[in-house]
Amino acid sequence: MNSDEMDFLQSDVFSGADAFRPSFRPREEPKLDPIVSELVGKPIKVNNPKLIALIVKWKKEKGDSDEPDNFFQDPVKIEELKQTL
């Protein structure tokens, strides 16, 4: 072995105690849905179960049509969203 193969940085070295220690990352807080929060008037997170249930219900009502989802432009759906959340 020549000396070039043995060159390494101090950052490449780790102790045996750290070899099998899992790296810990705190769980991230779910993000806020800016569109729904603005419509409802209070902060609503993207993983809100009531919001998800409403979207699923609206998708089922819509069916397999090719037209775009404009749920947040329909006044009836906006009112239902406000009442539910």
Protein backbone atom coordinates (compact mmCIF):
# COMPACT_ATOMS: atom_id res chain seq x y z
CA MET A 1 0.00 0.00 0.00
CA ASN A 2 1.25 3.42 -0.80
CA SER A 3 0.66 6.48 1.31
CA ASP A 4 -2.07 7.83 -1.02
CA GLU A 5 -4.36 4.92 -0.14
CA MET A 6 -3.96 5.58 3.57
CA ASP A 7 -4.83 9.27 3.41
CA PHE A 8 -8.20 10.10 4.93
CA LEU A 9 -9.88 13.03 6.55
CA GLN A 10 -10.63 13.33 10.24
CA SER A 11 -14.35 13.44 9.32
CA ASP A 12 -14.02 9.91 7.84
CA VAL A 13 -13.18 8.51 11.28
CA PHE A 14 -15.89 7.37 13.69
CA SER A 15 -15.75 5.57 16.99
CA GLY A 16 -16.94 2.02 17.50
CA ALA A 17 -19.64 3.26 19.87
CA ASP A 18 -21.20 5.32 17.06
CA ALA A 19 -21.06 2.53 14.47
CA PHE A 20 -24.49 1.04 15.22
CA ARG A 21 -26.18 4.02 16.84
CA PRO A 22 -29.20 5.10 14.79
CA SER A 23 -29.26 8.67 13.65
CA PHE A 24 -32.18 10.46 15.30
CA ARG A 25 -34.23 13.05 13.48
CA PRO A 26 -37.19 14.62 15.24
CA ARG A 27 -40.51 14.07 13.54
CA GLU A 28 -41.61 17.01 11.44
CA GLU A 29 -44.83 18.81 12.23
CA PRO A 30 -47.44 18.32 9.46
CA LYS A 31 -47.63 21.29 7.13
CA LEU A 32 -50.55 23.67 6.94
CA ASP A 33 -52.75 23.67 3.86
CA PRO A 34 -52.67 27.34 2.81
CA ILE A 35 -55.71 27.23 0.50
CA VAL A 36 -58.02 25.44 2.95
CA SER A 37 -56.75 27.50 5.88
CA GLU A 38 -57.56 30.70 4.00
CA LEU A 39 -61.04 29.47 3.03
CA VAL A 40 -61.94 28.26 6.53
CA GLY A 41 -60.27 31.11 8.41
CA LYS A 42 -58.16 29.00 10.77
CA PRO A 43 -55.04 26.85 10.38
CA ILE A 44 -55.82 23.42 8.88
CA LYS A 45 -53.10 20.80 8.48
CA VAL A 46 -52.79 18.73 5.30
CA ASN A 47 -53.32 15.45 7.19
CA ASN A 48 -56.58 16.53 8.88
CA PRO A 49 -58.86 13.43 8.80
CA LYS A 50 -62.02 15.50 8.26
CA LEU A 51 -60.44 17.26 5.28
CA ILE A 52 -59.27 13.96 3.79
CA ALA A 53 -62.75 12.44 4.23
CA LEU A 54 -64.35 15.41 2.44
CA ILE A 55 -61.92 15.22 -0.48
CA VAL A 56 -62.52 11.46 -0.82
CA LYS A 57 -66.28 12.02 -0.76
CA TRP A 58 -66.06 14.72 -3.45
CA LYS A 59 -63.79 12.54 -5.61
CA LYS A 60 -66.31 9.68 -5.42
CA GLU A 61 -69.15 12.04 -6.37
CA LYS A 62 -67.14 13.30 -9.34
CA GLY A 63 -66.38 9.84 -10.68
CA ASP A 64 -63.90 9.17 -13.47
CA SER A 65 -64.50 12.31 -15.53
CA ASP A 66 -61.55 14.06 -17.14
CA GLU A 67 -62.50 17.57 -16.02
CA PRO A 68 -60.20 19.18 -13.43
CA ASP A 69 -60.95 19.17 -9.71
CA ASN A 70 -62.20 22.66 -8.85
CA PHE A 71 -63.48 21.80 -5.39
CA PHE A 72 -62.26 25.03 -3.81
CA GLN A 73 -63.95 27.21 -6.43
CA ASP A 74 -67.41 25.68 -5.93
CA PRO A 75 -69.37 27.78 -3.37
CA VAL A 76 -71.40 24.75 -2.21
CA LYS A 77 -68.26 22.73 -1.47
CA ILE A 78 -66.62 25.72 0.24
CA GLU A 79 -69.63 26.08 2.53
CA GLU A 80 -69.55 22.35 3.33
CA LEU A 81 -65.84 22.66 4.06
CA LYS A 82 -66.43 25.56 6.46
CA GLN A 83 -69.22 23.70 8.28
CA THR A 84 -67.18 20.50 8.62
CA LEU A 85 -63.95 22.11 9.77
